[in-house]
Amino acid sequence: MRRVSRRGWAISLALSIVAGYVDGIGFIETGGFFVSFMSGNSTQAGVELSAGEGVRALFPLFLVAAFVLGVALAAAVVGERPRRRAAAVGGAALAVGLCAVWGASAPGVLWRFGPLALAMGALNTLYLAEGRARVAVTYATGTLVSLGLALAALVTGRSRTAWRRPFFLWGSLAGGAVIGAFVHRFWGGGALVVAASALAVLAVVVATVGGTEQNA
């Protein structure tokens, strides 16, 4: 069995910061939808459908579909092959860059956020084992469950350190959202260029670092 190494976790934290950054900008520009938090979009779609607003439910469902497509495409390319992880990160960089360019020419088109959701889905496939993502890079619910379990382990004396990784992963995502909202205040949609650039750099880092796992 192999687990994510410290180096892999450092990359995961950096990606999570970018994911929070992108999600914060997406939330602001879409007027309350998410490009990485699909539970929120699913709830929004359900509320709209219950109110008879089928058309209004299409956009959050579109984001959910784009996210799932991103996971599927990246998983098909990467699978459990560490050498291909850089391709997933690089593809996410291109998708975020596409949304930024599209936004500059047609800022009022909500459908341009599909590539963002696709990119966020792709980032969750970097650390796969037995068909499951071992690191929830772009969403917090699973991470917070892990944090709660780790706190229980701390209280019962089973582990003093298990809480650290889920706590810092959640903090990276939340902190990234704060940074994204702040940068968007000054640069507007152009703030996505920063995210695309950061992902491009991280793709190079992943390609250079290579394997980010070690034996358990």
C-alpha atoms as a PDB file:
ATOM      1  CA  MET A   1       0.000   0.000   0.000  1.00  0.00           C
ATOM      2  CA  ARG A   2       1.211   3.506  -0.770  1.00  0.00           C
ATOM      3  CA  ARG A   3       0.261   6.805   0.807  1.00  0.00           C
ATOM      4  CA  VAL A   4       0.726  10.454  -0.058  1.00  0.00           C
ATOM      5  CA  SER A   5       4.140  11.686   1.067  1.00  0.00           C
ATOM      6  CA  ARG A   6       4.920  15.024   2.694  1.00  0.00           C
ATOM      7  CA  ARG A   7       5.978  16.357  -0.682  1.00  0.00           C
ATOM      8  CA  GLY A   8       2.692  15.205  -2.160  1.00  0.00           C
ATOM      9  CA  TRP A   9       0.780  16.860   0.643  1.00  0.00           C
ATOM     10  CA  ALA A  10       2.631  20.122   0.066  1.00  0.00           C
ATOM     11  CA  ILE A  11       1.535  20.028  -3.574  1.00  0.00           C
ATOM     12  CA  SER A  12      -2.005  19.176  -2.468  1.00  0.00           C
ATOM     13  CA  LEU A  13      -2.091  22.186  -0.144  1.00  0.00           C
ATOM     14  CA  ALA A  14      -0.898  24.479  -2.935  1.00  0.00           C
ATOM     15  CA  LEU A  15      -3.552  23.104  -5.288  1.00  0.00           C
ATOM     16  CA  SER A  16      -6.192  23.507  -2.597  1.00  0.00           C
ATOM     17  CA  ILE A  17      -5.274  27.168  -2.172  1.00  0.00           C
ATOM     18  CA  VAL A  18      -5.728  27.678  -5.911  1.00  0.00           C
ATOM     19  CA  ALA A  19      -9.022  25.758  -5.815  1.00  0.00           C
ATOM     20  CA  GLY A  20     -10.355  27.960  -3.020  1.00  0.00           C
ATOM     21  CA  TYR A  21      -9.143  31.028  -4.905  1.00  0.00           C
ATOM     22  CA  VAL A  22     -10.976  29.949  -8.067  1.00  0.00           C
ATOM     23  CA  ASP A  23     -14.128  28.957  -6.185  1.00  0.00           C
ATOM     24  CA  GLY A  24     -14.252  32.325  -4.433  1.00  0.00           C
ATOM     25  CA  ILE A  25     -14.039  34.162  -7.752  1.00  0.00           C
ATOM     26  CA  GLY A  26     -16.592  31.838  -9.347  1.00  0.00           C
ATOM     27  CA  PHE A  27     -18.993  32.367  -6.442  1.00  0.00           C
ATOM     28  CA  ILE A  28     -18.789  36.133  -6.835  1.00  0.00           C
ATOM     29  CA  GLU A  29     -19.070  36.235 -10.619  1.00  0.00           C
ATOM     30  CA  THR A  30     -21.905  33.691 -10.906  1.00  0.00           C
ATOM     31  CA  GLY A  31     -23.941  35.351  -8.181  1.00  0.00           C
ATOM     32  CA  GLY A  32     -23.811  32.523  -5.659  1.00  0.00           C
ATOM     33  CA  PHE A  33     -22.887  29.310  -7.463  1.00  0.00           C
ATOM     34  CA  PHE A  34     -19.808  27.168  -6.975  1.00  0.00           C
ATOM     35  CA  VAL A  35     -17.220  25.723  -9.344  1.00  0.00           C
ATOM     36  CA  SER A  36     -15.828  23.197  -6.846  1.00  0.00           C
ATOM     37  CA  PHE A  37     -18.521  22.710  -4.180  1.00  0.00           C
ATOM     38  CA  MET A  38     -21.018  20.516  -5.981  1.00  0.00           C
ATOM     39  CA  SER A  39     -23.149  19.814  -2.902  1.00  0.00           C
ATOM     40  CA  GLY A  40     -24.110  23.483  -2.867  1.00  0.00           C
ATOM     41  CA  ASN A  41     -24.983  23.473  -6.556  1.00  0.00           C
ATOM     42  CA  SER A  42     -27.027  20.289  -6.154  1.00  0.00           C
ATOM     43  CA  THR A  43     -28.996  21.860  -3.310  1.00  0.00           C
ATOM     44  CA  GLN A  44     -29.546  25.026  -5.350  1.00  0.00           C
ATOM     45  CA  ALA A  45     -30.788  23.011  -8.316  1.00  0.00           C
ATOM     46  CA  GLY A  46     -33.148  21.047  -6.074  1.00  0.00           C
ATOM     47  CA  VAL A  47     -34.606  24.221  -4.574  1.00  0.00           C
ATOM     48  CA  GLU A  48     -35.152  25.722  -8.028  1.00  0.00           C
ATOM     49  CA  LEU A  49     -36.834  22.548  -9.271  1.00  0.00           C
ATOM     50  CA  SER A  50     -39.127  22.412  -6.242  1.00  0.00           C
ATOM     51  CA  ALA A  51     -40.189  25.982  -7.003  1.00  0.00           C
ATOM     52  CA  GLY A  52     -41.000  25.092 -10.601  1.00  0.00           C
ATOM     53  CA  GLU A  53     -37.977  26.993 -11.913  1.00  0.00           C
ATOM     54  CA  GLY A  54     -36.613  24.300 -14.199  1.00  0.00           C
ATOM     55  CA  VAL A  55     -34.714  26.760 -16.361  1.00  0.00           C
ATOM     56  CA  ARG A  56     -32.950  28.295 -13.356  1.00  0.00           C
ATOM     57  CA  ALA A  57     -31.915  24.804 -12.252  1.00  0.00           C
ATOM     58  CA  LEU A  58     -30.064  24.180 -15.513  1.00  0.00           C
ATOM     59  CA  PHE A  59     -26.993  26.226 -14.660  1.00  0.00           C
ATOM     60  CA  PRO A  60     -26.099  24.562 -11.329  1.00  0.00           C
ATOM     61  CA  LEU A  61     -26.760  21.171 -12.930  1.00  0.00           C
ATOM     62  CA  PHE A  62     -24.476  22.189 -15.795  1.00  0.00           C
ATOM     63  CA  LEU A  63     -21.711  22.945 -13.287  1.00  0.00           C
ATOM     64  CA  VAL A  64     -22.218  19.569 -11.619  1.00  0.00           C
ATOM     65  CA  ALA A  65     -22.001  17.828 -15.000  1.00  0.00           C
ATOM     66  CA  ALA A  66     -18.845  19.762 -15.929  1.00  0.00           C
ATOM     67  CA  PHE A  67     -17.215  18.847 -12.603  1.00  0.00           C
ATOM     68  CA  VAL A  68     -17.999  15.148 -13.054  1.00  0.00           C
ATOM     69  CA  LEU A  69     -16.730  15.300 -16.642  1.00  0.00           C
ATOM     70  CA  GLY A  70     -13.477  16.821 -15.416  1.00  0.00           C
ATOM     71  CA  VAL A  71     -13.028  13.990 -12.935  1.00  0.00           C
ATOM     72  CA  ALA A  72     -13.781  11.367 -15.595  1.00  0.00           C
ATOM     73  CA  LEU A  73     -11.455  12.836 -18.213  1.00  0.00           C
ATOM     74  CA  ALA A  74      -8.546  13.335 -15.826  1.00  0.00           C
ATOM     75  CA  ALA A  75      -9.014   9.893 -14.257  1.00  0.00           C
ATOM     76  CA  ALA A  76      -8.953   8.312 -17.713  1.00  0.00           C
ATOM     77  CA  VAL A  77      -5.676  10.084 -18.474  1.00  0.00           C
ATOM     78  CA  VAL A  78      -3.983   9.842 -15.079  1.00  0.00           C
ATOM     79  CA  GLY A  79      -5.478   6.793 -13.417  1.00  0.00           C
ATOM     80  CA  GLU A  80      -3.045   5.617 -10.763  1.00  0.00           C
ATOM     81  CA  ARG A  81       0.014   6.605 -12.832  1.00  0.00           C
ATOM     82  CA  PRO A  82       1.995   9.328 -11.005  1.00  0.00           C
ATOM     83  CA  ARG A  83       3.924  10.326 -14.136  1.00  0.00           C
ATOM     84  CA  ARG A  84       0.710  11.598 -15.741  1.00  0.00           C
ATOM     85  CA  ARG A  85      -0.386  13.848 -12.897  1.00  0.00           C
ATOM     86  CA  ALA A  86       1.239  16.893 -14.456  1.00  0.00           C
ATOM     87  CA  ALA A  87      -1.097  16.475 -17.446  1.00  0.00           C
ATOM     88  CA  ALA A  88      -4.141  16.840 -15.192  1.00  0.00           C
ATOM     89  CA  VAL A  89      -2.771  19.989 -13.554  1.00  0.00           C
ATOM     90  CA  GLY A  90      -1.709  21.422 -16.910  1.00  0.00           C
ATOM     91  CA  GLY A  91      -5.136  20.702 -18.372  1.00  0.00           C
ATOM     92  CA  ALA A  92      -6.734  22.474 -15.421  1.00  0.00           C
ATOM     93  CA  ALA A  93      -4.489  25.491 -16.064  1.00  0.00           C
ATOM     94  CA  LEU A  94      -5.661  25.607 -19.687  1.00  0.00           C
ATOM     95  CA  ALA A  95      -9.316  25.365 -18.661  1.00  0.00           C
ATOM     96  CA  VAL A  96      -8.988  28.203 -16.142  1.00  0.00           C
ATOM     97  CA  GLY A  97      -7.145  30.290 -18.742  1.00  0.00           C
ATOM     98  CA  LEU A  98      -9.931  29.616 -21.247  1.00  0.00           C
ATOM     99  CA  CYS A  99     -12.518  30.906 -18.792  1.00  0.00           C
ATOM    100  CA  ALA A 100     -10.453  34.038 -18.190  1.00  0.00           C
ATOM    101  CA  VAL A 101     -10.134  34.750 -21.921  1.00  0.00           C
ATOM    102  CA  TRP A 102     -13.808  33.992 -22.511  1.00  0.00           C
ATOM    103  CA  GLY A 103     -14.730  36.316 -19.660  1.00  0.00           C
ATOM    104  CA  ALA A 104     -12.752  39.165 -21.192  1.00  0.00           C
ATOM    105  CA  SER A 105     -14.723  38.898 -24.433  1.00  0.00           C
ATOM    106  CA  ALA A 106     -18.129  37.917 -23.024  1.00  0.00           C
ATOM    107  CA  PRO A 107     -18.264  38.661 -19.279  1.00  0.00           C
ATOM    108  CA  GLY A 108     -22.017  38.177 -19.054  1.00  0.00           C
ATOM    109  CA  VAL A 109     -22.028  34.568 -20.271  1.00  0.00           C
ATOM    110  CA  LEU A 110     -22.472  32.260 -17.280  1.00  0.00           C
ATOM    111  CA  TRP A 111     -21.758  29.112 -19.278  1.00  0.00           C
ATOM    112  CA  ARG A 112     -18.086  30.117 -19.454  1.00  0.00           C
ATOM    113  CA  PHE A 113     -17.714  28.819 -15.917  1.00  0.00           C
ATOM    114  CA  GLY A 114     -18.084  25.267 -17.161  1.00  0.00           C
ATOM    115  CA  PRO A 115     -14.321  25.012 -17.808  1.00  0.00           C
ATOM    116  CA  LEU A 116     -13.672  26.131 -14.226  1.00  0.00           C
ATOM    117  CA  ALA A 117     -15.842  23.356 -12.795  1.00  0.00           C
ATOM    118  CA  LEU A 118     -14.182  20.886 -15.172  1.00  0.00           C
ATOM    119  CA  ALA A 119     -10.735  22.023 -13.972  1.00  0.00           C
ATOM    120  CA  MET A 120     -11.685  21.679 -10.319  1.00  0.00           C
ATOM    121  CA  GLY A 121     -12.976  18.165 -10.925  1.00  0.00           C
ATOM    122  CA  ALA A 122      -9.737  17.204 -12.642  1.00  0.00           C
ATOM    123  CA  LEU A 123      -7.602  18.284  -9.688  1.00  0.00           C
ATOM    124  CA  ASN A 124      -9.229  15.668  -7.465  1.00  0.00           C
ATOM    125  CA  THR A 125      -7.745  12.816  -9.488  1.00  0.00           C
ATOM    126  CA  LEU A 126      -4.082  13.351  -8.644  1.00  0.00           C
ATOM    127  CA  TYR A 127      -4.003  10.782  -5.843  1.00  0.00           C
ATOM    128  CA  LEU A 128      -6.136   7.778  -6.709  1.00  0.00           C
ATOM    129  CA  ALA A 129      -6.094   4.336  -5.129  1.00  0.00           C
ATOM    130  CA  GLU A 130      -8.590   1.532  -5.662  1.00  0.00           C
ATOM    131  CA  GLY A 131     -10.816   3.852  -7.640  1.00  0.00           C
ATOM    132  CA  ARG A 132     -11.036   6.523  -4.930  1.00  0.00           C
ATOM    133  CA  ALA A 133      -9.513   9.955  -4.429  1.00  0.00           C
ATOM    134  CA  ARG A 134      -7.279   9.930  -1.369  1.00  0.00           C
ATOM    135  CA  VAL A 135      -7.024  13.728  -1.175  1.00  0.00           C
ATOM    136  CA  ALA A 136     -10.095  15.956  -1.576  1.00  0.00           C
ATOM    137  CA  VAL A 137      -8.250  18.886  -3.110  1.00  0.00           C
ATOM    138  CA  THR A 138     -11.219  21.093  -4.074  1.00  0.00           C
ATOM    139  CA  TYR A 139     -14.006  20.355  -1.602  1.00  0.00           C
ATOM    140  CA  ALA A 140     -14.174  20.521   2.165  1.00  0.00           C
ATOM    141  CA  THR A 141     -16.909  18.167   3.348  1.00  0.00           C
ATOM    142  CA  GLY A 142     -14.861  14.955   3.248  1.00  0.00           C
ATOM    143  CA  THR A 143     -11.895  16.808   4.710  1.00  0.00           C
ATOM    144  CA  LEU A 144     -13.972  18.067   7.629  1.00  0.00           C
ATOM    145  CA  VAL A 145     -15.255  14.548   8.288  1.00  0.00           C
ATOM    146  CA  SER A 146     -11.627  13.410   8.428  1.00  0.00           C
ATOM    147  CA  LEU A 147     -10.863  16.302  10.778  1.00  0.00           C
ATOM    148  CA  GLY A 148     -13.697  15.336  13.093  1.00  0.00           C
ATOM    149  CA  LEU A 149     -12.539  11.721  13.194  1.00  0.00           C
ATOM    150  CA  ALA A 150      -8.984  12.872  13.852  1.00  0.00           C
ATOM    151  CA  LEU A 151     -10.164  15.071  16.737  1.00  0.00           C
ATOM    152  CA  ALA A 152     -11.944  12.051  18.198  1.00  0.00           C
ATOM    153  CA  ALA A 153      -8.673  10.131  17.873  1.00  0.00           C
ATOM    154  CA  LEU A 154      -6.880  12.987  19.658  1.00  0.00           C
ATOM    155  CA  VAL A 155      -9.357  13.034  22.543  1.00  0.00           C
ATOM    156  CA  THR A 156      -9.243   9.263  22.982  1.00  0.00           C
ATOM    157  CA  GLY A 157      -5.455   9.181  22.803  1.00  0.00           C
ATOM    158  CA  ARG A 158      -5.248   7.136  19.593  1.00  0.00           C
ATOM    159  CA  SER A 159      -3.404   9.822  17.607  1.00  0.00           C
ATOM    160  CA  ARG A 160      -1.989  13.219  18.455  1.00  0.00           C
ATOM    161  CA  THR A 161      -1.158  14.282  14.924  1.00  0.00           C
ATOM    162  CA  ALA A 162      -3.896  12.912  12.622  1.00  0.00           C
ATOM    163  CA  TRP A 163      -5.797  16.233  12.750  1.00  0.00           C
ATOM    164  CA  ARG A 164      -3.011  18.228  11.135  1.00  0.00           C
ATOM    165  CA  ARG A 165      -3.409  17.215   7.498  1.00  0.00           C
ATOM    166  CA  PRO A 166      -7.202  17.638   7.226  1.00  0.00           C
ATOM    167  CA  PHE A 167      -7.046  20.886   9.192  1.00  0.00           C
ATOM    168  CA  PHE A 168      -4.406  22.422   6.950  1.00  0.00           C
ATOM    169  CA  LEU A 169      -6.116  21.127   3.809  1.00  0.00           C
ATOM    170  CA  TRP A 170      -9.380  22.799   4.864  1.00  0.00           C
ATOM    171  CA  GLY A 171      -7.498  25.944   5.878  1.00  0.00           C
ATOM    172  CA  SER A 172      -5.803  26.089   2.475  1.00  0.00           C
ATOM    173  CA  LEU A 173      -9.139  25.920   0.663  1.00  0.00           C
ATOM    174  CA  ALA A 174     -10.769  28.524   2.905  1.00  0.00           C
ATOM    175  CA  GLY A 175      -7.722  30.771   2.794  1.00  0.00           C
ATOM    176  CA  GLY A 176      -7.594  30.522  -0.986  1.00  0.00           C
ATOM    177  CA  ALA A 177     -11.208  31.737  -1.151  1.00  0.00           C
ATOM    178  CA  VAL A 178     -10.285  34.778   0.938  1.00  0.00           C
ATOM    179  CA  ILE A 179      -7.361  35.564  -1.360  1.00  0.00           C
ATOM    180  CA  GLY A 180      -9.478  35.051  -4.483  1.00  0.00           C
ATOM    181  CA  ALA A 181     -12.206  37.384  -3.269  1.00  0.00           C
ATOM    182  CA  PHE A 182      -9.616  40.012  -2.337  1.00  0.00           C
ATOM    183  CA  VAL A 183      -7.789  39.866  -5.681  1.00  0.00           C
ATOM    184  CA  HIS A 184     -11.096  39.893  -7.575  1.00  0.00           C
ATOM    185  CA  ARG A 185     -12.005  43.130  -5.841  1.00  0.00           C
ATOM    186  CA  PHE A 186      -9.140  44.862  -7.658  1.00  0.00           C
ATOM    187  CA  TRP A 187      -8.755  42.873 -10.900  1.00  0.00           C
ATOM    188  CA  GLY A 188     -12.222  41.510 -11.537  1.00  0.00           C
ATOM    189  CA  GLY A 189     -12.323  38.545 -13.911  1.00  0.00           C
ATOM    190  CA  GLY A 190      -8.644  39.086 -14.679  1.00  0.00           C
ATOM    191  CA  ALA A 191      -7.891  37.515 -11.311  1.00  0.00           C
ATOM    192  CA  LEU A 192      -8.386  34.130 -12.966  1.00  0.00           C
ATOM    193  CA  VAL A 193      -5.197  34.707 -14.949  1.00  0.00           C
ATOM    194  CA  VAL A 194      -3.318  34.469 -11.657  1.00  0.00           C
ATOM    195  CA  ALA A 195      -4.945  31.094 -10.951  1.00  0.00           C
ATOM    196  CA  ALA A 196      -4.160  29.784 -14.442  1.00  0.00           C
ATOM    197  CA  SER A 197      -0.540  30.883 -14.047  1.00  0.00           C
ATOM    198  CA  ALA A 198      -0.260  29.267 -10.611  1.00  0.00           C
ATOM    199  CA  LEU A 199      -1.618  25.978 -11.965  1.00  0.00           C
ATOM    200  CA  ALA A 200       0.826  26.105 -14.870  1.00  0.00           C
ATOM    201  CA  VAL A 201       3.710  26.506 -12.411  1.00  0.00           C
ATOM    202  CA  LEU A 202       2.379  23.667 -10.272  1.00  0.00           C
ATOM    203  CA  ALA A 203       2.120  21.455 -13.362  1.00  0.00           C
ATOM    204  CA  VAL A 204       5.839  22.006 -13.936  1.00  0.00           C
ATOM    205  CA  VAL A 205       6.540  21.264 -10.268  1.00  0.00           C
ATOM    206  CA  VAL A 206       4.540  18.021 -10.426  1.00  0.00           C
ATOM    207  CA  ALA A 207       6.347  17.001 -13.620  1.00  0.00           C
ATOM    208  CA  THR A 208       9.720  17.763 -12.051  1.00  0.00           C
ATOM    209  CA  VAL A 209       9.074  16.179  -8.688  1.00  0.00           C
ATOM    210  CA  GLY A 210       7.685  12.989 -10.186  1.00  0.00           C
ATOM    211  CA  GLY A 211       6.462  10.426  -7.650  1.00  0.00           C
ATOM    212  CA  THR A 212       4.852  11.934  -4.579  1.00  0.00           C
ATOM    213  CA  GLU A 213       4.015   8.724  -2.741  1.00  0.00           C
ATOM    214  CA  GLN A 214       5.806   6.458  -0.355  1.00  0.00           C
ATOM    215  CA  ASN A 215       5.189   3.079   1.202  1.00  0.00           C
ATOM    216  CA  ALA A 216       2.756   3.052   4.107  1.00  0.00           C
END
